[in-house]
């Protein structure tokens, strides 16, 4: 019974394709965290007022400032005062 090279080539091609797709998944997972910072906001990237990423010096500074503001009385924070919701807004 002669063995044809075609089934072996097909099996090899399918195995190679499967390994290539599996490799792309792990590479994209690691690259996407850093690449997302370079996508402009108009294209779906991070907005300009997004907090910094954890593990950076700016993040530590951001968290210290946030904690400092949290400890201040609400009247002294200087944040935008949002109007209290009316009874009609609260019902929806």
N, C-alpha and C. Protein backbone atom coordinates (compact mmCIF):
# COMPACT_ATOMS: atom_id res chain seq x y z
N UNK A 1 0.83 -1.16 0.00
CA UNK A 1 0.00 0.00 0.00
C UNK A 1 0.90 1.24 0.00
N UNK A 2 0.96 1.97 -1.08
CA UNK A 2 1.83 3.13 -1.18
C UNK A 2 1.27 4.31 -0.37
N UNK A 3 2.17 5.03 0.25
CA UNK A 3 1.79 6.18 1.05
C UNK A 3 2.00 7.44 0.21
N UNK A 4 0.99 8.25 0.17
CA UNK A 4 1.07 9.48 -0.60
C UNK A 4 1.60 10.62 0.28
N UNK A 5 2.29 11.55 -0.31
CA UNK A 5 2.86 12.67 0.43
C UNK A 5 1.81 13.76 0.69
N UNK A 6 0.72 13.72 -0.04
CA UNK A 6 -0.29 14.76 0.10
C UNK A 6 -0.93 14.80 1.49
N UNK A 7 -1.40 13.69 2.08
CA UNK A 7 -1.98 13.76 3.44
C UNK A 7 -0.96 14.23 4.48
N UNK A 8 0.30 13.82 4.32
CA UNK A 8 1.34 14.24 5.25
C UNK A 8 1.59 15.75 5.12
N UNK A 9 1.60 16.27 3.90
CA UNK A 9 1.80 17.70 3.68
C UNK A 9 0.61 18.50 4.23
N UNK A 10 -0.59 17.98 4.08
CA UNK A 10 -1.78 18.64 4.60
C UNK A 10 -1.73 18.69 6.12
N UNK A 11 -1.38 17.59 6.74
CA UNK A 11 -1.27 17.53 8.19
C UNK A 11 -0.20 18.51 8.69
N UNK A 12 0.92 18.56 8.01
CA UNK A 12 1.99 19.47 8.38
C UNK A 12 1.53 20.93 8.25
N UNK A 13 0.83 21.25 7.18
CA UNK A 13 0.35 22.62 6.96
C UNK A 13 -0.66 23.02 8.04
N UNK A 14 -1.54 22.12 8.41
CA UNK A 14 -2.52 22.41 9.46
C UNK A 14 -1.84 22.59 10.82
N UNK A 15 -0.86 21.75 11.11
CA UNK A 15 -0.14 21.87 12.37
C UNK A 15 0.65 23.19 12.42
N UNK A 16 1.27 23.56 11.32
CA UNK A 16 2.01 24.81 11.25
C UNK A 16 1.09 26.01 11.43
N UNK A 17 -0.07 25.97 10.80
CA UNK A 17 -1.05 27.06 10.93
C UNK A 17 -1.54 27.17 12.36
N UNK A 18 -1.83 26.04 12.99
CA UNK A 18 -2.28 26.05 14.38
C UNK A 18 -1.24 26.62 15.33
N UNK A 19 0.01 26.24 15.14
CA UNK A 19 1.10 26.78 15.99
C UNK A 19 1.29 28.27 15.75
N UNK A 20 1.18 28.70 14.51
CA UNK A 20 1.34 30.12 14.20
C UNK A 20 0.23 30.95 14.85
N UNK A 21 -1.00 30.47 14.81
CA UNK A 21 -2.11 31.19 15.43
C UNK A 21 -1.96 31.22 16.95
N UNK A 22 -1.52 30.14 17.54
CA UNK A 22 -1.32 30.10 18.99
C UNK A 22 -0.21 31.07 19.39
N UNK A 23 0.83 31.16 18.60
CA UNK A 23 1.92 32.08 18.88
C UNK A 23 1.48 33.53 18.76
N UNK A 24 0.63 33.84 17.82
CA UNK A 24 0.15 35.21 17.66
C UNK A 24 -0.68 35.64 18.87
N UNK A 25 -1.42 34.73 19.44
CA UNK A 25 -2.25 35.06 20.59
C UNK A 25 -1.42 35.48 21.78
N UNK A 26 -0.32 34.81 22.04
CA UNK A 26 0.49 35.17 23.20
C UNK A 26 1.30 36.43 22.94
N UNK A 27 1.73 36.64 21.73
CA UNK A 27 2.48 37.85 21.40
C UNK A 27 1.56 39.05 21.51
N UNK A 28 0.37 38.96 20.98
CA UNK A 28 -0.56 40.08 21.00
C UNK A 28 -0.97 40.44 22.42
N UNK A 29 -1.07 39.45 23.29
CA UNK A 29 -1.44 39.72 24.68
C UNK A 29 -0.40 40.60 25.35
N UNK A 30 0.87 40.35 25.10
CA UNK A 30 1.94 41.11 25.74
C UNK A 30 2.14 42.47 25.08
N UNK A 31 1.93 42.56 23.80
CA UNK A 31 2.15 43.83 23.09
C UNK A 31 0.98 44.79 23.23
N UNK A 32 -0.21 44.26 23.43
CA UNK A 32 -1.38 45.13 23.44
C UNK A 32 -1.37 46.10 24.61
N UNK A 33 -0.81 45.71 25.75
CA UNK A 33 -0.78 46.60 26.91
C UNK A 33 0.04 47.85 26.62
N UNK A 34 1.16 47.72 25.95
CA UNK A 34 2.00 48.87 25.63
C UNK A 34 1.55 49.59 24.39
N UNK A 35 1.05 48.88 23.42
CA UNK A 35 0.66 49.51 22.16
C UNK A 35 -0.60 50.36 22.31
N UNK A 36 -1.44 50.05 23.27
CA UNK A 36 -2.67 50.81 23.44
C UNK A 36 -2.39 52.26 23.85
N UNK A 37 -1.25 52.51 24.46
CA UNK A 37 -0.91 53.87 24.87
C UNK A 37 -0.63 54.78 23.68
N UNK A 38 -0.30 54.23 22.54
CA UNK A 38 0.07 55.03 21.38
C UNK A 38 -1.07 55.23 20.39
N UNK A 39 -2.23 54.66 20.65
CA UNK A 39 -3.38 54.84 19.77
C UNK A 39 -4.05 56.16 20.13
N UNK A 40 -4.30 57.04 19.17
CA UNK A 40 -4.93 58.32 19.50
C UNK A 40 -6.35 58.13 20.03
N UNK A 41 -6.81 59.09 20.82
CA UNK A 41 -8.15 58.99 21.43
C UNK A 41 -9.23 58.94 20.36
N UNK A 42 -9.05 59.64 19.24
CA UNK A 42 -10.08 59.64 18.20
C UNK A 42 -10.21 58.27 17.54
N UNK A 43 -9.19 57.43 17.66
CA UNK A 43 -9.22 56.09 17.07
C UNK A 43 -9.58 55.02 18.10
N UNK A 44 -10.01 55.45 19.28
CA UNK A 44 -10.42 54.48 20.29
C UNK A 44 -9.38 54.24 21.37
N UNK A 45 -8.34 55.05 21.43
CA UNK A 45 -7.30 54.91 22.45
C UNK A 45 -7.73 55.53 23.77
N UNK A 46 -6.79 55.62 24.69
CA UNK A 46 -7.09 56.19 26.00
C UNK A 46 -7.40 57.67 25.89
N UNK A 47 -8.39 58.15 26.65
CA UNK A 47 -8.67 59.59 26.65
C UNK A 47 -7.55 60.35 27.36
N UNK A 48 -7.50 61.65 27.14
CA UNK A 48 -6.43 62.47 27.71
C UNK A 48 -6.49 62.51 29.23
N UNK A 49 -7.68 62.38 29.82
CA UNK A 49 -7.80 62.47 31.28
C UNK A 49 -7.74 61.11 31.97
N UNK A 50 -7.29 60.08 31.29
CA UNK A 50 -7.17 58.76 31.89
C UNK A 50 -6.02 58.75 32.90
N UNK A 51 -6.20 58.04 34.02
CA UNK A 51 -5.10 58.00 35.00
C UNK A 51 -3.91 57.22 34.45
N UNK A 52 -2.71 57.47 34.99
CA UNK A 52 -1.52 56.76 34.50
C UNK A 52 -1.57 55.27 34.84
N UNK A 53 -0.77 54.50 34.17
CA UNK A 53 -0.73 53.05 34.41
C UNK A 53 -0.03 52.73 35.72
N UNK A 54 -0.51 51.68 36.42
CA UNK A 54 0.16 51.26 37.66
C UNK A 54 1.60 50.85 37.39
N UNK A 55 2.46 51.12 38.37
CA UNK A 55 3.86 50.75 38.26
C UNK A 55 4.76 51.84 37.73
N UNK A 56 4.20 53.00 37.40
CA UNK A 56 5.01 54.10 36.91
C UNK A 56 5.14 55.17 37.99
N UNK A 57 6.10 56.07 37.83
CA UNK A 57 6.28 57.16 38.81
C UNK A 57 5.08 58.09 38.80
N UNK A 58 4.53 58.34 37.63
CA UNK A 58 3.35 59.21 37.54
C UNK A 58 2.15 58.59 38.27
N UNK A 59 2.06 57.27 38.26
CA UNK A 59 0.96 56.60 38.95
C UNK A 59 1.09 56.82 40.46
N UNK A 60 2.30 56.67 40.99
CA UNK A 60 2.51 56.88 42.42
C UNK A 60 2.16 58.31 42.81
N UNK A 61 2.57 59.27 42.00
CA UNK A 61 2.25 60.67 42.26
C UNK A 61 0.73 60.89 42.19
N UNK A 62 0.08 60.30 41.21
CA UNK A 62 -1.36 60.41 41.05
C UNK A 62 -2.09 59.86 42.28
N UNK A 63 -1.63 58.71 42.78
CA UNK A 63 -2.28 58.10 43.94
C UNK A 63 -2.05 58.93 45.21
N UNK A 64 -0.87 59.52 45.37
CA UNK A 64 -0.62 60.39 46.53
C UNK A 64 -1.53 61.61 46.49
N UNK A 65 -1.67 62.22 45.31
CA UNK A 65 -2.54 63.39 45.17
C UNK A 65 -4.00 63.01 45.41
N UNK A 66 -4.40 61.86 44.93
CA UNK A 66 -5.77 61.39 45.13
C UNK A 66 -6.06 61.16 46.61
N UNK A 67 -5.10 60.56 47.30
CA UNK A 67 -5.26 60.31 48.74
C UNK A 67 -5.29 61.63 49.50
N UNK A 68 -4.45 62.60 49.10
CA UNK A 68 -4.45 63.90 49.75
C UNK A 68 -5.79 64.59 49.60
N UNK A 69 -6.36 64.54 48.38
CA UNK A 69 -7.67 65.15 48.15
C UNK A 69 -8.77 64.42 48.90
N UNK A 70 -8.62 63.12 49.04
CA UNK A 70 -9.65 62.34 49.75
C UNK A 70 -9.70 62.72 51.22
N UNK A 71 -8.56 63.06 51.80
CA UNK A 71 -8.50 63.40 53.22
C UNK A 71 -8.97 64.84 53.49
N UNK A 72 -9.06 65.67 52.46
CA UNK A 72 -9.52 67.06 52.63
C UNK A 72 -11.03 67.10 52.78
N UNK A 73 -11.55 68.12 53.46
CA UNK A 73 -13.00 68.30 53.49
C UNK A 73 -13.53 68.57 52.08
N UNK A 74 -14.74 68.18 51.81
CA UNK A 74 -15.30 68.29 50.46
C UNK A 74 -15.36 69.73 49.98
N UNK A 75 -15.57 70.68 50.86
CA UNK A 75 -15.68 72.08 50.45
C UNK A 75 -14.34 72.64 49.97
N UNK A 76 -13.24 72.07 50.42
CA UNK A 76 -11.93 72.59 50.07
C UNK A 76 -11.27 71.88 48.89
N UNK A 77 -11.86 70.85 48.37
CA UNK A 77 -11.23 70.04 47.32
C UNK A 77 -11.04 70.78 46.01
N UNK A 78 -11.96 71.66 45.67
CA UNK A 78 -11.83 72.40 44.43
C UNK A 78 -12.32 71.62 43.22
N UNK A 79 -12.91 70.46 43.44
CA UNK A 79 -13.47 69.70 42.32
C UNK A 79 -14.75 70.39 41.87
N UNK A 80 -15.17 70.03 40.68
CA UNK A 80 -16.42 70.57 40.17
C UNK A 80 -17.55 70.07 41.06
N UNK A 81 -18.35 70.99 41.52
CA UNK A 81 -19.50 70.60 42.34
C UNK A 81 -20.63 70.20 41.42
N UNK A 82 -21.01 68.97 41.51
CA UNK A 82 -22.10 68.49 40.68
C UNK A 82 -23.41 68.77 41.39
N UNK A 83 -24.42 69.25 40.67
CA UNK A 83 -25.69 69.53 41.34
C UNK A 83 -26.32 68.25 41.86
N UNK A 84 -27.02 68.39 42.95
CA UNK A 84 -27.71 67.23 43.52
C UNK A 84 -28.80 66.78 42.56
N UNK A 85 -28.98 65.48 42.42
CA UNK A 85 -30.01 65.00 41.50
C UNK A 85 -31.40 65.38 42.00
N UNK A 86 -32.23 65.80 41.08
CA UNK A 86 -33.60 66.11 41.45
C UNK A 86 -34.38 64.82 41.64
N UNK A 87 -35.53 64.94 42.20
CA UNK A 87 -36.32 63.73 42.47
C UNK A 87 -36.70 63.04 41.16
N UNK A 88 -36.86 63.81 40.09
CA UNK A 88 -37.21 63.21 38.82
C UNK A 88 -36.03 62.43 38.24
N UNK A 89 -34.80 62.96 38.38
CA UNK A 89 -33.62 62.27 37.91
C UNK A 89 -33.38 60.99 38.69
N UNK A 90 -33.62 61.03 39.99
CA UNK A 90 -33.37 59.86 40.82
C UNK A 90 -34.34 58.74 40.53
N UNK A 91 -35.52 59.06 40.03
CA UNK A 91 -36.52 58.03 39.75
C UNK A 91 -36.19 57.22 38.51
N UNK A 92 -35.36 57.76 37.63
CA UNK A 92 -35.08 57.06 36.38
C UNK A 92 -33.90 56.23 36.50
